[in-house]
Amino acid sequence: MRLNELNMGESGIIKKIHAKEPLKSKLLSMGFARGERVKVLKHTLAKNTFDVDVNGINIALREEEAREIEVEKDN
């Protein structure tokens, strides 16, 4: 599943970054690395933007960026 498929309050473990450069480097530099837990804090109604927490840092992502991050949803 992709990060953009999670709902508010849900979290998951990052499995893979599918983005191409330079977006992949940007995401990695912000802490989006394999094995890290990411939690969706909130998103717009249309899920155009996401506020997420990764490593205790709040980051805003566009839907097209969140779509590039593969996660395994926490139960």
PDB file of N, CA and C in Angstrom:
ATOM      1  N   MET A   1       0.846  -1.174   0.000  1.00  0.00           N
ATOM      2  CA  MET A   1       0.000   0.000   0.000  1.00  0.00           C
ATOM      3  C   MET A   1       0.888   1.231   0.000  1.00  0.00           C
ATOM      4  N   ARG A   2       0.347   2.321  -0.458  1.00  0.00           N
ATOM      5  CA  ARG A   2       1.101   3.578  -0.535  1.00  0.00           C
ATOM      6  C   ARG A   2       0.677   4.527   0.584  1.00  0.00           C
ATOM      7  N   LEU A   3       1.556   5.432   0.933  1.00  0.00           N
ATOM      8  CA  LEU A   3       1.305   6.388   2.013  1.00  0.00           C
ATOM      9  C   LEU A   3       0.028   7.190   1.771  1.00  0.00           C
ATOM     10  N   ASN A   4      -0.260   7.531   0.535  1.00  0.00           N
ATOM     11  CA  ASN A   4      -1.457   8.323   0.244  1.00  0.00           C
ATOM     12  C   ASN A   4      -2.749   7.544   0.471  1.00  0.00           C
ATOM     13  N   GLU A   5      -2.658   6.242   0.724  1.00  0.00           N
ATOM     14  CA  GLU A   5      -3.842   5.419   0.982  1.00  0.00           C
ATOM     15  C   GLU A   5      -4.188   5.331   2.471  1.00  0.00           C
ATOM     16  N   LEU A   6      -3.286   5.797   3.332  1.00  0.00           N
ATOM     17  CA  LEU A   6      -3.559   5.790   4.765  1.00  0.00           C
ATOM     18  C   LEU A   6      -4.515   6.923   5.121  1.00  0.00           C
ATOM     19  N   ASN A   7      -5.331   6.686   6.134  1.00  0.00           N
ATOM     20  CA  ASN A   7      -6.246   7.705   6.632  1.00  0.00           C
ATOM     21  C   ASN A   7      -5.626   8.410   7.832  1.00  0.00           C
ATOM     22  N   MET A   8      -6.276   9.490   8.274  1.00  0.00           N
ATOM     23  CA  MET A   8      -5.786  10.236   9.427  1.00  0.00           C
ATOM     24  C   MET A   8      -5.662   9.317  10.640  1.00  0.00           C
ATOM     25  N   GLY A   9      -4.545   9.429  11.338  1.00  0.00           N
ATOM     26  CA  GLY A   9      -4.301   8.642  12.529  1.00  0.00           C
ATOM     27  C   GLY A   9      -3.669   7.283  12.265  1.00  0.00           C
ATOM     28  N   GLU A  10      -3.633   6.848  11.014  1.00  0.00           N
ATOM     29  CA  GLU A  10      -3.038   5.560  10.688  1.00  0.00           C
ATOM     30  C   GLU A  10      -1.539   5.709  10.471  1.00  0.00           C
ATOM     31  N   SER A  11      -0.817   4.631  10.712  1.00  0.00           N
ATOM     32  CA  SER A  11       0.627   4.666  10.523  1.00  0.00           C
ATOM     33  C   SER A  11       1.092   3.395   9.832  1.00  0.00           C
ATOM     34  N   GLY A  12       2.323   3.439   9.371  1.00  0.00           N
ATOM     35  CA  GLY A  12       2.896   2.283   8.700  1.00  0.00           C
ATOM     36  C   GLY A  12       4.415   2.364   8.698  1.00  0.00           C
ATOM     37  N   ILE A  13       5.019   1.267   8.300  1.00  0.00           N
ATOM     38  CA  ILE A  13       6.470   1.180   8.188  1.00  0.00           C
ATOM     39  C   ILE A  13       6.837   1.337   6.715  1.00  0.00           C
ATOM     40  N   ILE A  14       7.795   2.202   6.444  1.00  0.00           N
ATOM     41  CA  ILE A  14       8.213   2.445   5.066  1.00  0.00           C
ATOM     42  C   ILE A  14       8.937   1.208   4.536  1.00  0.00           C
ATOM     43  N   LYS A  15       8.466   0.722   3.385  1.00  0.00           N
ATOM     44  CA  LYS A  15       9.064  -0.455   2.753  1.00  0.00           C
ATOM     45  C   LYS A  15       9.956  -0.068   1.581  1.00  0.00           C
ATOM     46  N   LYS A  16       9.558   0.946   0.808  1.00  0.00           N
ATOM     47  CA  LYS A  16      10.336   1.325  -0.366  1.00  0.00           C
ATOM     48  C   LYS A  16       9.919   2.712  -0.837  1.00  0.00           C
ATOM     49  N   ILE A  17      10.895   3.442  -1.379  1.00  0.00           N
ATOM     50  CA  ILE A  17      10.642   4.727  -2.025  1.00  0.00           C
ATOM     51  C   ILE A  17      10.709   4.475  -3.528  1.00  0.00           C
ATOM     52  N   HIS A  18       9.604   4.712  -4.221  1.00  0.00           N
ATOM     53  CA  HIS A  18       9.533   4.447  -5.657  1.00  0.00           C
ATOM     54  C   HIS A  18       9.867   5.670  -6.504  1.00  0.00           C
ATOM     55  N   ALA A  19      10.072   6.810  -5.878  1.00  0.00           N
ATOM     56  CA  ALA A  19      10.312   8.060  -6.601  1.00  0.00           C
ATOM     57  C   ALA A  19      11.641   8.033  -7.347  1.00  0.00           C
ATOM     58  N   LYS A  20      11.697   8.810  -8.408  1.00  0.00           N
ATOM     59  CA  LYS A  20      12.938   9.007  -9.156  1.00  0.00           C
ATOM     60  C   LYS A  20      13.636  10.245  -8.613  1.00  0.00           C
ATOM     61  N   GLU A  21      14.902  10.387  -8.965  1.00  0.00           N
ATOM     62  CA  GLU A  21      15.658  11.579  -8.566  1.00  0.00           C
ATOM     63  C   GLU A  21      15.064  12.803  -9.264  1.00  0.00           C
ATOM     64  N   PRO A  22      15.065  13.955  -8.671  1.00  0.00           N
ATOM     65  CA  PRO A  22      15.635  14.342  -7.377  1.00  0.00           C
ATOM     66  C   PRO A  22      14.681  14.138  -6.202  1.00  0.00           C
ATOM     67  N   LEU A  23      13.413  13.754  -6.466  1.00  0.00           N
ATOM     68  CA  LEU A  23      12.451  13.579  -5.374  1.00  0.00           C
ATOM     69  C   LEU A  23      12.905  12.515  -4.378  1.00  0.00           C
ATOM     70  N   LYS A  24      13.489  11.433  -4.853  1.00  0.00           N
ATOM     71  CA  LYS A  24      13.931  10.368  -3.949  1.00  0.00           C
ATOM     72  C   LYS A  24      14.950  10.894  -2.947  1.00  0.00           C
ATOM     73  N   SER A  25      15.922  11.662  -3.403  1.00  0.00           N
ATOM     74  CA  SER A  25      16.927  12.237  -2.503  1.00  0.00           C
ATOM     75  C   SER A  25      16.292  13.196  -1.507  1.00  0.00           C
ATOM     76  N   LYS A  26      15.319  13.977  -1.973  1.00  0.00           N
ATOM     77  CA  LYS A  26      14.624  14.924  -1.105  1.00  0.00           C
ATOM     78  C   LYS A  26      13.900  14.178   0.015  1.00  0.00           C
ATOM     79  N   LEU A  27      13.179  13.111  -0.336  1.00  0.00           N
ATOM     80  CA  LEU A  27      12.451  12.331   0.666  1.00  0.00           C
ATOM     81  C   LEU A  27      13.410  11.674   1.658  1.00  0.00           C
ATOM     82  N   LEU A  28      14.498  11.108   1.150  1.00  0.00           N
ATOM     83  CA  LEU A  28      15.484  10.477   2.029  1.00  0.00           C
ATOM     84  C   LEU A  28      16.097  11.492   2.999  1.00  0.00           C
ATOM     85  N   SER A  29      16.362  12.692   2.507  1.00  0.00           N
ATOM     86  CA  SER A  29      16.967  13.722   3.365  1.00  0.00           C
ATOM     87  C   SER A  29      16.009  14.203   4.453  1.00  0.00           C
ATOM     88  N   MET A  30      14.691  14.027   4.222  1.00  0.00           N
ATOM     89  CA  MET A  30      13.694  14.419   5.222  1.00  0.00           C
ATOM     90  C   MET A  30      13.406  13.297   6.213  1.00  0.00           C
ATOM     91  N   GLY A  31      14.028  12.127   6.032  1.00  0.00           N
ATOM     92  CA  GLY A  31      13.854  11.043   6.986  1.00  0.00           C
ATOM     93  C   GLY A  31      12.997   9.892   6.503  1.00  0.00           C
ATOM     94  N   PHE A  32      12.521   9.952   5.271  1.00  0.00           N
ATOM     95  CA  PHE A  32      11.708   8.865   4.725  1.00  0.00           C
ATOM     96  C   PHE A  32      12.629   7.749   4.235  1.00  0.00           C
ATOM     97  N   ALA A  33      12.972   6.850   5.132  1.00  0.00           N
ATOM     98  CA  ALA A  33      13.885   5.753   4.813  1.00  0.00           C
ATOM     99  C   ALA A  33      13.213   4.425   5.154  1.00  0.00           C
ATOM    100  N   ARG A  34      13.654   3.386   4.490  1.00  0.00           N
ATOM    101  CA  ARG A  34      13.103   2.049   4.724  1.00  0.00           C
ATOM    102  C   ARG A  34      13.228   1.693   6.203  1.00  0.00           C
ATOM    103  N   GLY A  35      12.133   1.163   6.758  1.00  0.00           N
ATOM    104  CA  GLY A  35      12.117   0.754   8.162  1.00  0.00           C
ATOM    105  C   GLY A  35      11.609   1.803   9.122  1.00  0.00           C
ATOM    106  N   GLU A  36      11.474   3.039   8.670  1.00  0.00           N
ATOM    107  CA  GLU A  36      10.980   4.115   9.544  1.00  0.00           C
ATOM    108  C   GLU A  36       9.459   4.081   9.618  1.00  0.00           C
ATOM    109  N   ARG A  37       8.928   4.440  10.785  1.00  0.00           N
ATOM    110  CA  ARG A  37       7.475   4.531  10.959  1.00  0.00           C
ATOM    111  C   ARG A  37       7.016   5.928  10.551  1.00  0.00           C
ATOM    112  N   VAL A  38       5.931   5.965   9.800  1.00  0.00           N
ATOM    113  CA  VAL A  38       5.348   7.230   9.370  1.00  0.00           C
ATOM    114  C   VAL A  38       3.869   7.222   9.749  1.00  0.00           C
ATOM    115  N   LYS A  39       3.400   8.342  10.292  1.00  0.00           N
ATOM    116  CA  LYS A  39       1.999   8.450  10.725  1.00  0.00           C
ATOM    117  C   LYS A  39       1.341   9.636  10.024  1.00  0.00           C
ATOM    118  N   VAL A  40       0.136   9.417   9.528  1.00  0.00           N
ATOM    119  CA  VAL A  40      -0.627  10.497   8.897  1.00  0.00           C
ATOM    120  C   VAL A  40      -1.330  11.274  10.004  1.00  0.00           C
ATOM    121  N   LEU A  41      -0.956  12.528  10.178  1.00  0.00           N
ATOM    122  CA  LEU A  41      -1.565  13.370  11.202  1.00  0.00           C
ATOM    123  C   LEU A  41      -2.883  13.949  10.710  1.00  0.00           C
ATOM    124  N   LYS A  42      -2.880  14.435   9.474  1.00  0.00           N
ATOM    125  CA  LYS A  42      -4.109  14.949   8.849  1.00  0.00           C
ATOM    126  C   LYS A  42      -3.892  15.048   7.352  1.00  0.00           C
ATOM    127  N   HIS A  43      -4.995  15.176   6.645  1.00  0.00           N
ATOM    128  CA  HIS A  43      -4.947  15.383   5.200  1.00  0.00           C
ATOM    129  C   HIS A  43      -6.165  16.192   4.796  1.00  0.00           C
ATOM    130  N   THR A  44      -6.111  16.776   3.619  1.00  0.00           N
ATOM    131  CA  THR A  44      -7.262  17.525   3.123  1.00  0.00           C
ATOM    132  C   THR A  44      -8.370  16.550   2.755  1.00  0.00           C
ATOM    133  N   LEU A  45      -9.576  17.048   2.614  1.00  0.00           N
ATOM    134  CA  LEU A  45     -10.706  16.176   2.280  1.00  0.00           C
ATOM    135  C   LEU A  45     -10.477  15.400   0.993  1.00  0.00           C
ATOM    136  N   ALA A  46      -9.904  16.036   0.010  1.00  0.00           N
ATOM    137  CA  ALA A  46      -9.637  15.378  -1.277  1.00  0.00           C
ATOM    138  C   ALA A  46      -8.315  14.604  -1.266  1.00  0.00           C
ATOM    139  N   LYS A  47      -7.637  14.588  -0.119  1.00  0.00           N
ATOM    140  CA  LYS A  47      -6.326  13.939   0.024  1.00  0.00           C
ATOM    141  C   LYS A  47      -5.304  14.501  -0.973  1.00  0.00           C
ATOM    142  N   ASN A  48      -5.353  15.816  -1.175  1.00  0.00           N
ATOM    143  CA  ASN A  48      -4.368  16.475  -2.036  1.00  0.00           C
ATOM    144  C   ASN A  48      -3.054  16.714  -1.317  1.00  0.00           C
ATOM    145  N   THR A  49      -3.131  16.964  -0.010  1.00  0.00           N
ATOM    146  CA  THR A  49      -1.929  17.164   0.794  1.00  0.00           C
ATOM    147  C   THR A  49      -2.053  16.372   2.093  1.00  0.00           C
ATOM    148  N   PHE A  50      -0.903  15.954   2.604  1.00  0.00           N
ATOM    149  CA  PHE A  50      -0.834  15.141   3.811  1.00  0.00           C
ATOM    150  C   PHE A  50       0.146  15.772   4.783  1.00  0.00           C
ATOM    151  N   ASP A  51      -0.234  15.853   6.047  1.00  0.00           N
ATOM    152  CA  ASP A  51       0.697  16.203   7.119  1.00  0.00           C
ATOM    153  C   ASP A  51       1.046  14.899   7.810  1.00  0.00           C
ATOM    154  N   VAL A  52       2.331  14.558   7.815  1.00  0.00           N
ATOM    155  CA  VAL A  52       2.766  13.287   8.376  1.00  0.00           C
ATOM    156  C   VAL A  52       3.852  13.512   9.417  1.00  0.00           C
ATOM    157  N   ASP A  53       4.040  12.520  10.266  1.00  0.00           N
ATOM    158  CA  ASP A  53       5.110  12.524  11.255  1.00  0.00           C
ATOM    159  C   ASP A  53       6.055  11.391  10.905  1.00  0.00           C
ATOM    160  N   VAL A  54       7.318  11.719  10.735  1.00  0.00           N
ATOM    161  CA  VAL A  54       8.351  10.714  10.538  1.00  0.00           C
ATOM    162  C   VAL A  54       9.537  11.121  11.410  1.00  0.00           C
ATOM    163  N   ASN A  55       9.954  10.235  12.296  1.00  0.00           N
ATOM    164  CA  ASN A  55      11.049  10.517  13.244  1.00  0.00           C
ATOM    165  C   ASN A  55      10.766  11.732  14.115  1.00  0.00           C
ATOM    166  N   GLY A  56       9.505  11.947  14.475  1.00  0.00           N
ATOM    167  CA  GLY A  56       9.147  13.075  15.327  1.00  0.00           C
ATOM    168  C   GLY A  56       9.109  14.411  14.623  1.00  0.00           C
ATOM    169  N   ILE A  57       9.221  14.409  13.310  1.00  0.00           N
ATOM    170  CA  ILE A  57       9.204  15.644  12.528  1.00  0.00           C
ATOM    171  C   ILE A  57       7.933  15.691  11.693  1.00  0.00           C
ATOM    172  N   ASN A  58       7.211  16.807  11.766  1.00  0.00           N
ATOM    173  CA  ASN A  58       6.012  16.988  10.959  1.00  0.00           C
ATOM    174  C   ASN A  58       6.408  17.496   9.576  1.00  0.00           C
ATOM    175  N   ILE A  59       5.926  16.798   8.552  1.00  0.00           N
ATOM    176  CA  ILE A  59       6.261  17.140   7.173  1.00  0.00           C
ATOM    177  C   ILE A  59       4.983  17.164   6.350  1.00  0.00           C
ATOM    178  N   ALA A  60       4.856  18.141   5.481  1.00  0.00           N
ATOM    179  CA  ALA A  60       3.727  18.225   4.560  1.00  0.00           C
ATOM    180  C   ALA A  60       4.154  17.663   3.208  1.00  0.00           C
ATOM    181  N   LEU A  61       3.328  16.766   2.671  1.00  0.00           N
ATOM    182  CA  LEU A  61       3.591  16.164   1.368  1.00  0.00           C
ATOM    183  C   LEU A  61       2.404  16.369   0.443  1.00  0.00           C
ATOM    184  N   ARG A  62       2.674  16.524  -0.825  1.00  0.00           N
ATOM    185  CA  ARG A  62       1.614  16.518  -1.829  1.00  0.00           C
ATOM    186  C   ARG A  62       1.227  15.069  -2.101  1.00  0.00           C
ATOM    187  N   GLU A  63       0.044  14.868  -2.632  1.00  0.00           N
ATOM    188  CA  GLU A  63      -0.447  13.518  -2.907  1.00  0.00           C
ATOM    189  C   GLU A  63       0.489  12.761  -3.829  1.00  0.00           C
ATOM    190  N   GLU A  64       1.015  13.428  -4.850  1.00  0.00           N
ATOM    191  CA  GLU A  64       1.906  12.751  -5.800  1.00  0.00           C
ATOM    192  C   GLU A  64       3.222  12.327  -5.145  1.00  0.00           C
ATOM    193  N   GLU A  65       3.639  13.018  -4.087  1.00  0.00           N
ATOM    194  CA  GLU A  65       4.841  12.617  -3.343  1.00  0.00           C
ATOM    195  C   GLU A  65       4.528  11.438  -2.424  1.00  0.00           C
ATOM    196  N   ALA A  66       3.389  11.513  -1.726  1.00  0.00           N
ATOM    197  CA  ALA A  66       2.991  10.438  -0.819  1.00  0.00           C
ATOM    198  C   ALA A  66       2.748   9.137  -1.581  1.00  0.00           C
ATOM    199  N   ARG A  67       2.313   9.230  -2.810  1.00  0.00           N
ATOM    200  CA  ARG A  67       2.046   8.054  -3.639  1.00  0.00           C
ATOM    201  C   ARG A  67       3.320   7.267  -3.940  1.00  0.00           C
ATOM    202  N   GLU A  68       4.474   7.911  -3.874  1.00  0.00           N
ATOM    203  CA  GLU A  68       5.752   7.268  -4.189  1.00  0.00           C
ATOM    204  C   GLU A  68       6.348   6.484  -3.017  1.00  0.00           C
ATOM    205  N   ILE A  69       5.690   6.536  -1.854  1.00  0.00           N
ATOM    206  CA  ILE A  69       6.214   5.887  -0.655  1.00  0.00           C
ATOM    207  C   ILE A  69       5.367   4.657  -0.340  1.00  0.00           C
ATOM    208  N   GLU A  70       5.981   3.495  -0.439  1.00  0.00           N
ATOM    209  CA  GLU A  70       5.300   2.227  -0.139  1.00  0.00           C
ATOM    210  C   GLU A  70       5.421   1.946   1.360  1.00  0.00           C
ATOM    211  N   VAL A  71       4.302   1.626   1.993  1.00  0.00           N
ATOM    212  CA  VAL A  71       4.280   1.348   3.433  1.00  0.00           C
ATOM    213  C   VAL A  71       3.559   0.040   3.712  1.00  0.00           C
ATOM    214  N   GLU A  72       3.885  -0.539   4.861  1.00  0.00           N
ATOM    215  CA  GLU A  72       3.123  -1.663   5.389  1.00  0.00           C
ATOM    216  C   GLU A  72       2.352  -1.115   6.578  1.00  0.00           C
ATOM    217  N   LYS A  73       1.031  -1.112   6.476  1.00  0.00           N
ATOM    218  CA  LYS A  73       0.182  -0.516   7.496  1.00  0.00           C
ATOM    219  C   LYS A  73       0.317  -1.241   8.814  1.00  0.00           C
ATOM    220  N   ASP A  74       0.397  -0.455   9.914  1.00  0.00           N
ATOM    221  CA  ASP A  74       0.396  -1.023  11.268  1.00  0.00           C
ATOM    222  C   ASP A  74      -1.001  -1.522  11.588  1.00  0.00           C
ATOM    223  N   ASN A  75      -1.065  -2.571  12.378  1.00  0.00           N
ATOM    224  CA  ASN A  75      -2.377  -3.105  12.792  1.00  0.00           C
ATOM    225  C   ASN A  75      -2.874  -2.440  14.044  1.00  0.00           C
TER     226      ASN A  75
END
